[in-house]
Amino acid sequence: MLDLAILGLLRDRERHGYELRKQLGELLGSRGAMSFGSLYPALARLEKAGLVKAVEANVAVPPVPSSGSLAGELAAFRVRPAATSTAGRSKKVYGITEAGDAQLRTLLAEGPTDERTFGVQLAFCRHLPPLERLALFERRRRQLAEELEARTATATRLDRYLGALRDRDTRHLTNDLAWLDELILSEQAAIQEDQP
């Protein structure tokens, strides 16, 4: 899921590690916290595999020219610490390669569609052709339908609280199936509109 999220974000535009971490946090939300300790090794692995590349490093902040006045120099001094805080520090900016773009499409179209991964796939499914996007939605729907069927087939006598948890999970699955049905119908209608 992490590779998919990184590649998807870099497909949208080039980013440095800090920005990737922030965007991953927004994308994954409560589904997964992201630390630099897991992000940078993933980026290094993806770079070694040729899926991402460093497109910029050592971003230099231009020096502030001398103003010739005491008030101007004071103003420049006040601004300088904020402007030069990154000077001399290596700031790698990452971009996606052609191989990374191909891997992104593969992860979207063929990757697992578990609860955590499907949300990321949905966030970037616009990069798939319409029929592959529809296949992704239908694959997730089949998986949820199988889970619901297995849940009802194995229903056993439970105490009140375990029964309440099972009921909540069943309602969640039922709601997700209804939502996916709407998404599938919408996608099918869009495909029909695009056909001559």
Foldseek 3Di string as FASTA:
>chain_A
DLLLLQLLVQVVHKFWQVVSQVVVCVQQPPVDHDDPVPRVVSVVVCVVVVFKHFDDWQDAQDQDDDPPDPVVVVVSVVCVCVRCVCHPPIITIMHGDPVNLVVNQCCLQPNDCDPRSVSSSVVRVVSPPLVSSLVSLVVNLVVLVVVLVVLVVPDDDDPPVVVVVSVVVNVVSVVVNVVSVVVNVVSVVVVVVPDD
